[in-house]
Protein backbone atom coordinates (compact mmCIF):
# COMPACT_ATOMS: atom_id res chain seq x y z
CA UNK A 1 0.00 0.00 0.00
CA UNK A 2 1.45 3.36 -1.01
CA UNK A 3 2.26 6.06 1.52
CA UNK A 4 -0.15 8.38 -0.27
CA UNK A 5 -3.02 5.92 0.25
CA UNK A 6 -1.99 5.39 3.88
CA UNK A 7 -2.09 9.14 4.44
CA UNK A 8 -5.51 9.39 2.79
CA UNK A 9 -6.96 6.61 4.98
CA UNK A 10 -5.44 8.14 8.10
CA UNK A 11 -6.94 11.50 7.19
CA UNK A 12 -10.38 9.98 6.66
CA UNK A 13 -10.18 8.18 10.02
CA UNK A 14 -9.11 11.36 11.78
CA UNK A 15 -11.93 13.37 10.21
CA UNK A 16 -14.49 10.72 11.15
CA UNK A 17 -13.11 10.58 14.69
CA UNK A 18 -13.45 14.35 15.01
CA UNK A 19 -17.10 14.27 13.91
CA UNK A 20 -17.91 11.40 16.28
CA UNK A 21 -16.23 13.22 19.16
CA UNK A 22 -18.39 16.29 18.63
CA UNK A 23 -21.49 14.07 18.35
CA UNK A 24 -20.90 12.43 21.72
CA UNK A 25 -23.68 14.55 23.28
CA UNK A 26 -26.22 12.75 21.05
CA UNK A 27 -24.78 9.23 21.18
CA UNK A 28 -27.44 7.85 23.54
CA UNK A 29 -30.34 9.08 21.38
CA UNK A 30 -28.72 8.08 18.10
CA UNK A 31 -28.37 4.52 19.45
CA UNK A 32 -32.04 4.37 20.46
CA UNK A 33 -33.99 2.41 17.85
CA UNK A 34 -37.25 4.18 18.72
CA UNK A 35 -35.79 7.58 17.81
CA UNK A 36 -35.76 8.60 14.14
CA UNK A 37 -34.66 12.26 14.32
CA UNK A 38 -32.23 14.15 16.54
CA UNK A 39 -32.29 17.93 16.14
CA UNK A 40 -30.69 20.97 17.72
CA UNK A 41 -32.43 24.31 17.31
CA UNK A 42 -30.19 26.31 19.64
CA UNK A 43 -27.44 25.71 22.21
CA UNK A 44 -28.21 23.72 25.37
CA UNK A 45 -31.22 21.82 24.01
CA UNK A 46 -31.82 18.71 21.91
CA UNK A 47 -35.11 17.50 20.47
CA UNK A 48 -35.72 13.86 19.54
CA UNK A 49 -38.61 12.36 17.62
CA UNK A 50 -39.63 9.12 19.28
CA UNK A 51 -42.53 7.21 17.71
CA UNK A 52 -43.80 10.39 16.01
CA UNK A 53 -43.69 12.44 19.23
CA UNK A 54 -41.11 15.18 19.86
CA UNK A 55 -39.35 15.22 23.25
CA UNK A 56 -37.00 17.88 24.59
CA UNK A 57 -33.73 17.29 26.46
CA UNK A 58 -31.63 19.90 28.25
CA UNK A 59 -27.90 19.65 27.49
CA UNK A 60 -26.18 22.57 29.28
CA UNK A 61 -22.72 21.67 27.94
CA UNK A 62 -23.90 21.95 24.32
CA UNK A 63 -22.55 25.43 23.55
CA UNK A 64 -22.56 27.48 20.38
CA UNK A 65 -18.81 26.90 20.09
CA UNK A 66 -19.29 23.12 20.31
CA UNK A 67 -21.94 23.20 17.59
CA UNK A 68 -19.69 25.35 15.42
CA UNK A 69 -16.89 22.81 15.85
CA UNK A 70 -19.31 20.03 14.90
CA UNK A 71 -20.28 21.93 11.74
CA UNK A 72 -16.64 22.48 10.79
CA UNK A 73 -15.68 18.85 11.45
CA UNK A 74 -18.66 17.59 9.45
CA UNK A 75 -17.81 19.85 6.52
CA UNK A 76 -14.22 18.58 6.50
CA UNK A 77 -15.40 14.97 6.65
CA UNK A 78 -17.70 15.63 3.68
CA UNK A 79 -14.99 17.51 1.75
CA UNK A 80 -17.23 20.55 1.80
CA UNK A 81 -17.27 24.06 3.22
CA UNK A 82 -19.46 25.75 5.80
CA UNK A 83 -19.13 29.34 7.03
CA UNK A 84 -21.10 32.54 7.46
CA UNK A 85 -20.89 33.03 3.68
CA UNK A 86 -21.85 29.38 2.95
CA UNK A 87 -24.14 28.71 5.91
CA UNK A 88 -26.05 25.65 4.65
CA UNK A 89 -24.47 22.18 4.76
CA UNK A 90 -25.95 18.84 3.70
CA UNK A 91 -23.79 15.82 4.50
CA UNK A 92 -23.62 12.18 5.54
CA UNK A 93 -22.16 11.42 8.98
CA UNK A 94 -19.60 8.63 9.56
CA UNK A 95 -22.39 6.36 10.82
CA UNK A 96 -24.46 6.83 7.67
CA UNK A 97 -26.93 9.33 9.13
CA UNK A 98 -27.96 12.30 7.02
CA UNK A 99 -27.35 15.71 8.56
CA UNK A 100 -28.47 19.23 7.68
CA UNK A 101 -26.66 22.14 9.34
CA UNK A 102 -27.57 25.82 9.11
CA UNK A 103 -25.37 28.59 10.52
CA UNK A 104 -26.00 32.30 11.09
CA UNK A 105 -26.84 34.54 9.31
CA UNK A 106 -29.21 31.99 7.69
CA UNK A 107 -30.60 31.27 11.18
CA UNK A 108 -30.89 33.31 14.37
CA UNK A 109 -27.74 34.94 15.73
CA UNK A 110 -26.25 32.80 18.49
CA UNK A 111 -27.93 29.61 17.27
CA UNK A 112 -27.03 26.73 14.96
CA UNK A 113 -29.59 24.34 13.51
CA UNK A 114 -28.59 20.67 13.27
CA UNK A 115 -30.96 18.00 11.97
CA UNK A 116 -29.85 14.37 12.04
CA UNK A 117 -32.04 11.80 10.31
CA UNK A 118 -31.28 8.22 11.24
CA UNK A 119 -31.50 5.64 8.45
CA UNK A 120 -33.89 2.75 8.92
CA UNK A 121 -32.31 -0.68 8.68
CA UNK A 122 -35.58 -2.52 9.30
CA UNK A 123 -36.77 -4.81 6.52
CA UNK A 124 -40.52 -5.43 6.59
CA UNK A 125 -42.67 -7.73 4.50
CA UNK A 126 -46.17 -6.97 3.25
CA UNK A 127 -47.41 -9.36 5.93
CA UNK A 128 -45.68 -7.24 8.58
CA UNK A 129 -47.45 -4.16 7.26
CA UNK A 130 -50.77 -6.02 7.33
CA UNK A 131 -50.28 -6.93 11.01
CA UNK A 132 -49.67 -3.25 11.81
CA UNK A 133 -52.94 -2.24 10.16
CA UNK A 134 -51.11 -0.40 7.38
CA UNK A 135 -53.86 -1.16 4.86
CA UNK A 136 -56.85 -0.52 7.12
CA UNK A 137 -57.41 3.14 6.31
CA UNK A 138 -57.25 3.26 2.52
CA UNK A 139 -59.87 5.64 1.17
CA UNK A 140 -61.42 5.02 -2.24
CA UNK A 141 -60.75 7.67 -4.86
CA UNK A 142 -63.94 9.70 -4.95
CA UNK A 143 -65.21 12.77 -6.73
CA UNK A 144 -67.20 13.99 -3.74
CA UNK A 145 -65.80 16.10 -0.91
CA UNK A 146 -64.26 14.38 2.10
CA UNK A 147 -65.54 14.91 5.65
CA UNK A 148 -62.97 17.60 6.53
CA UNK A 149 -63.87 19.60 3.44
CA UNK A 150 -67.58 19.28 4.16
CA UNK A 151 -67.01 20.45 7.73
CA UNK A 152 -65.08 23.53 6.62
CA UNK A 153 -67.72 24.40 4.04
CA UNK A 154 -70.48 24.14 6.67
CA UNK A 155 -68.58 26.42 9.04
CA UNK A 156 -67.81 28.95 6.31
CA UNK A 157 -71.41 29.00 5.10
CA UNK A 158 -72.52 29.69 8.69
CA UNK A 159 -70.27 32.80 8.62
CA UNK A 160 -68.38 31.65 11.72
CA UNK A 161 -65.11 32.82 10.23
CA UNK A 162 -63.06 32.55 13.42
CA UNK A 163 -63.96 28.88 13.78
CA UNK A 164 -63.44 28.34 10.04
CA UNK A 165 -59.91 29.73 10.18
CA UNK A 166 -59.13 27.91 13.41
CA UNK A 167 -60.23 24.58 11.90
CA UNK A 168 -58.42 25.30 8.63
CA UNK A 169 -55.17 25.70 10.57
CA UNK A 170 -55.85 22.62 12.71
CA UNK A 171 -56.63 20.54 9.62
CA UNK A 172 -53.30 21.63 8.10
CA UNK A 173 -54.75 23.46 5.14
CA UNK A 174 -52.39 25.56 3.01
CA UNK A 175 -53.35 29.19 3.64
CA UNK A 176 -52.39 32.33 1.70
CA UNK A 177 -53.00 35.79 3.17
CA UNK A 178 -53.30 38.42 0.41
CA UNK A 179 -53.46 42.19 0.58
CA UNK A 180 -51.76 45.44 -0.28
CA UNK A 181 -48.79 46.98 1.55
CA UNK A 182 -49.82 48.04 5.04
CA UNK A 183 -52.99 45.96 5.05
CA UNK A 184 -51.89 43.85 8.02
CA UNK A 185 -51.00 40.63 6.18
CA UNK A 186 -48.10 39.66 8.43
CA UNK A 187 -49.89 40.58 11.64
CA UNK A 188 -52.89 38.46 10.69
CA UNK A 189 -50.62 35.63 9.58
CA UNK A 190 -49.08 35.66 13.07
CA UNK A 191 -52.57 35.36 14.58
CA UNK A 192 -53.18 32.25 12.45
CA UNK A 193 -49.86 30.81 13.61
CA UNK A 194 -51.05 30.84 17.22
CA UNK A 195 -53.68 28.22 16.31
CA UNK A 196 -51.00 25.69 15.36
CA UNK A 197 -50.68 22.95 18.01
CA UNK A 198 -47.77 23.80 20.31
CA UNK A 199 -46.19 20.33 20.01
CA UNK A 200 -45.47 20.69 16.29
CA UNK A 201 -42.06 21.50 14.80
CA UNK A 202 -42.21 24.77 12.86
CA UNK A 203 -39.68 26.36 10.53
CA UNK A 204 -40.12 29.96 9.42
CA UNK A 205 -38.48 31.63 6.43
CA UNK A 206 -38.26 35.43 6.27
CA UNK A 207 -35.95 38.29 5.37
CA UNK A 208 -36.54 40.20 8.63
CA UNK A 209 -37.55 38.64 11.98
CA UNK A 210 -41.32 39.04 12.32
CA UNK A 211 -42.79 35.55 12.72
CA UNK A 212 -42.32 35.02 16.45
CA UNK A 213 -43.38 31.73 18.07
CA UNK A 214 -43.48 32.17 21.86
CA UNK A 215 -45.83 29.20 22.34
CA UNK A 216 -44.02 26.75 20.04
CA UNK A 217 -40.68 25.72 21.59
CA UNK A 218 -39.60 23.37 18.77
CA UNK A 219 -38.95 25.94 16.07
CA UNK A 220 -36.21 27.28 13.80
CA UNK A 221 -36.14 30.74 12.23
CA UNK A 222 -34.36 30.88 8.85
CA UNK A 223 -33.38 34.13 7.15
CA UNK A 224 -32.35 35.27 3.68
CA UNK A 225 -31.16 38.70 2.45
CA UNK A 226 -34.10 40.57 0.91
CA UNK A 227 -32.02 41.35 -2.20
CA UNK A 228 -30.96 37.72 -2.74
CA UNK A 229 -32.10 36.23 -6.06
CA UNK A 230 -31.67 32.63 -7.19
CA UNK A 231 -31.30 33.78 -10.80
CA UNK A 232 -28.17 35.66 -9.72
CA UNK A 233 -26.79 32.50 -8.05
CA UNK A 234 -27.06 33.85 -4.50
CA UNK A 235 -26.20 31.12 -1.98
CA UNK A 236 -28.92 31.98 0.56
CA UNK A 237 -32.33 32.65 -0.97
CA UNK A 238 -35.90 31.88 0.02
CA UNK A 239 -35.81 29.00 -2.48
CA UNK A 240 -32.56 27.61 -1.02
CA UNK A 241 -34.02 27.73 2.49
CA UNK A 242 -37.20 25.99 1.33
CA UNK A 243 -35.07 23.17 -0.06
CA UNK A 244 -33.10 23.04 3.19
CA UNK A 245 -36.38 22.77 5.12
CA UNK A 246 -37.13 19.46 3.44
CA UNK A 247 -34.13 17.98 5.29
CA UNK A 248 -35.05 19.54 8.66
CA UNK A 249 -38.20 17.50 9.50
CA UNK A 250 -40.70 20.37 9.80
CA UNK A 251 -44.31 19.75 10.68
CA UNK A 252 -45.07 23.09 9.04
CA UNK A 253 -43.19 25.63 6.95
CA UNK A 254 -44.18 29.28 7.29
CA UNK A 255 -42.86 31.61 4.58
CA UNK A 256 -43.40 35.25 5.49
CA UNK A 257 -43.98 36.50 1.94
CA UNK A 258 -43.91 35.23 -1.63
CA UNK A 259 -42.21 37.71 -3.96
CA UNK A 260 -40.88 35.87 -7.01
CA UNK A 261 -39.57 32.59 -8.34
CA UNK A 262 -39.46 30.98 -4.89
CA UNK A 263 -43.23 30.59 -5.28
CA UNK A 264 -42.54 27.54 -7.46
CA UNK A 265 -40.50 25.97 -4.65
CA UNK A 266 -43.13 26.84 -2.03
CA UNK A 267 -45.92 25.22 -4.05
CA UNK A 268 -43.69 22.24 -4.79
CA UNK A 269 -42.95 21.77 -1.07
CA UNK A 270 -46.63 22.14 -0.14
CA UNK A 271 -47.56 19.61 -2.84
CA UNK A 272 -45.01 17.12 -1.52
CA UNK A 273 -47.04 16.45 1.62
CA UNK A 274 -46.01 19.32 3.89
CA UNK A 275 -49.51 20.50 4.74
CA UNK A 276 -50.39 23.41 6.98
CA UNK A 277 -48.05 25.90 5.36
CA UNK A 278 -48.98 29.58 5.65
CA UNK A 279 -47.65 32.47 3.56
CA UNK A 280 -48.61 35.91 2.27
CA UNK A 281 -48.38 37.96 -0.91
CA UNK A 282 -49.44 41.26 -2.42
CA UNK A 283 -52.74 40.95 -4.28
CA UNK A 284 -55.98 42.89 -4.52
CA UNK A 285 -58.32 39.89 -4.17
CA UNK A 286 -58.27 36.09 -3.89
CA UNK A 287 -58.72 35.84 -7.67
CA UNK A 288 -55.75 38.15 -8.24
CA UNK A 289 -53.79 36.14 -5.66
CA UNK A 290 -54.01 33.09 -7.93
CA UNK A 291 -52.94 35.18 -10.93
CA UNK A 292 -49.96 36.55 -9.00
CA UNK A 293 -48.99 33.09 -7.79
CA UNK A 294 -49.01 31.84 -11.38
CA UNK A 295 -47.00 34.82 -12.64
CA UNK A 296 -44.40 34.37 -9.89
CA UNK A 297 -44.08 30.66 -10.68
CA UNK A 298 -43.29 31.69 -14.26
CA UNK A 299 -40.36 33.73 -12.90
CA UNK A 300 -38.71 30.46 -11.85
CA UNK A 301 -36.40 28.64 -14.31
CA UNK A 302 -38.26 25.36 -13.83
CA UNK A 303 -41.67 26.94 -13.37
CA UNK A 304 -41.59 28.74 -16.70
CA UNK A 305 -41.42 25.39 -18.51
CA UNK A 306 -44.94 24.55 -17.29
CA UNK A 307 -48.04 25.41 -19.33
CA UNK A 308 -50.11 28.13 -17.71
CA UNK A 309 -53.24 25.90 -17.38
CA UNK A 310 -51.12 23.30 -15.57
CA UNK A 311 -49.87 25.95 -13.15
CA UNK A 312 -53.42 27.12 -12.40
CA UNK A 313 -54.55 23.52 -11.90
CA UNK A 314 -51.63 22.88 -9.52
CA UNK A 315 -52.46 26.02 -7.52
CA UNK A 316 -56.07 24.93 -7.04
CA UNK A 317 -54.86 21.50 -5.92
CA UNK A 318 -52.34 22.88 -3.40
CA UNK A 319 -53.76 26.16 -2.05
CA UNK A 320 -56.76 25.54 0.19
CA UNK A 321 -57.68 28.94 1.64
CA UNK A 322 -57.02 32.52 0.50
CA UNK A 323 -57.80 35.39 2.88
CA UNK A 324 -57.84 38.93 1.51
CA UNK A 325 -57.20 41.75 3.99
CA UNK A 326 -57.52 45.47 3.36
CA UNK A 327 -56.78 48.70 5.21
CA UNK A 328 -59.56 51.22 4.56
CA UNK A 329 -58.01 54.49 5.69
CA UNK A 330 -60.99 56.49 4.42
CA UNK A 331 -63.48 55.01 6.88
CA UNK A 332 -63.78 53.62 10.37
CA UNK A 333 -63.45 50.07 8.99
CA UNK A 334 -59.65 50.25 9.08
CA UNK A 335 -57.90 46.91 8.63
CA UNK A 336 -60.34 44.08 7.94
CA UNK A 337 -60.97 40.91 5.94
CA UNK A 338 -62.83 41.52 2.69
CA UNK A 339 -63.10 37.94 1.43
CA UNK A 340 -62.38 34.35 2.43
CA UNK A 341 -61.88 32.01 -0.54
CA UNK A 342 -62.43 28.28 -0.06
CA UNK A 343 -63.50 26.19 -3.06
CA UNK A 344 -62.58 22.52 -2.50
CA UNK A 345 -64.66 21.40 -5.49
CA UNK A 346 -62.00 22.89 -7.77
CA UNK A 347 -59.62 20.16 -6.59
CA UNK A 348 -61.85 17.64 -8.39
CA UNK A 349 -61.87 19.53 -11.68
CA UNK A 350 -60.47 17.61 -14.69
CA UNK A 351 -56.83 18.16 -15.55
CA UNK A 352 -56.15 20.64 -18.38
CA UNK A 353 -55.50 19.23 -21.83
CA UNK A 354 -54.26 22.39 -23.57
CA UNK A 355 -50.97 22.07 -25.42
CA UNK A 356 -48.19 24.29 -24.14
CA UNK A 357 -47.17 25.65 -27.54
CA UNK A 358 -49.52 27.41 -29.91
CA UNK A 359 -48.50 26.18 -33.36
CA UNK A 360 -51.10 28.28 -35.13
CA UNK A 361 -53.15 25.26 -36.19
């Protein structure tokens, strides 16, 4: 064996040893077969997901400096870089676990987000799934509304809008708050956030800190520069953070405002099974909100390859509720809701058949 190869192997062993040393605080939980996720949102605390329930552990010795050393060691092991200018790292740990690390300024100052997803080595047969009742809740594909949709329609038609919005949040509907500048979109969005169950894991994405979560301890705040644009190859954008979220085991993703091409990524994430997302945008009505969503999707490199009818169909499938708010400065009405859009029947509409290109035929 050549000296060069010996040196390479020794280097790999040393890098792996360094990562494992800095992971010692989590060794007990990573060895527990009932735990599937180990996450750090901030120094001194660790959250573990055990049998679909999050549990919190206090770890006083887990300092910011220790987490920074873990990030650096992991980056070296993965032959990658992580720093304040490249604050997002995706890697595989020496034990085969997948890890996602986010540093400031892409997360709160003084915090580091670490998400470790343990691989499953269990091999199950179809018979095993049958014993667990895996097939007992299959719903037939139907054209009629389901019970949740019927319930929300009944509440909305009774004009009990507070209960409608509360249930929409509880049922993990995708909600868009629309309105002009100064209409109170963000403030109302924060009110909706308070209806989210406090035991859920929430990740927010914003350019300035506004989406505070005092009642939800398992949360991560992610930030991007307001001038960052994916088309200009910025490293930290709303779209980049949305993609990072997919590796951070969120129950819900809250994006403060949709402004451009990241709308494609937001809709894609919401369509991938991450229900309960809430966001806002500038629009003069729910109908205009759908037009703006479509136009912003077309600003995305991938989104602009989709036919417009397909985009509209996708939006109706993904977006459940649109709330339009307005600030009437000419009357005593002030800030108020003008319209609540909820049309679940559109989700059953036939898929569009229009061709993308008009060939003049």
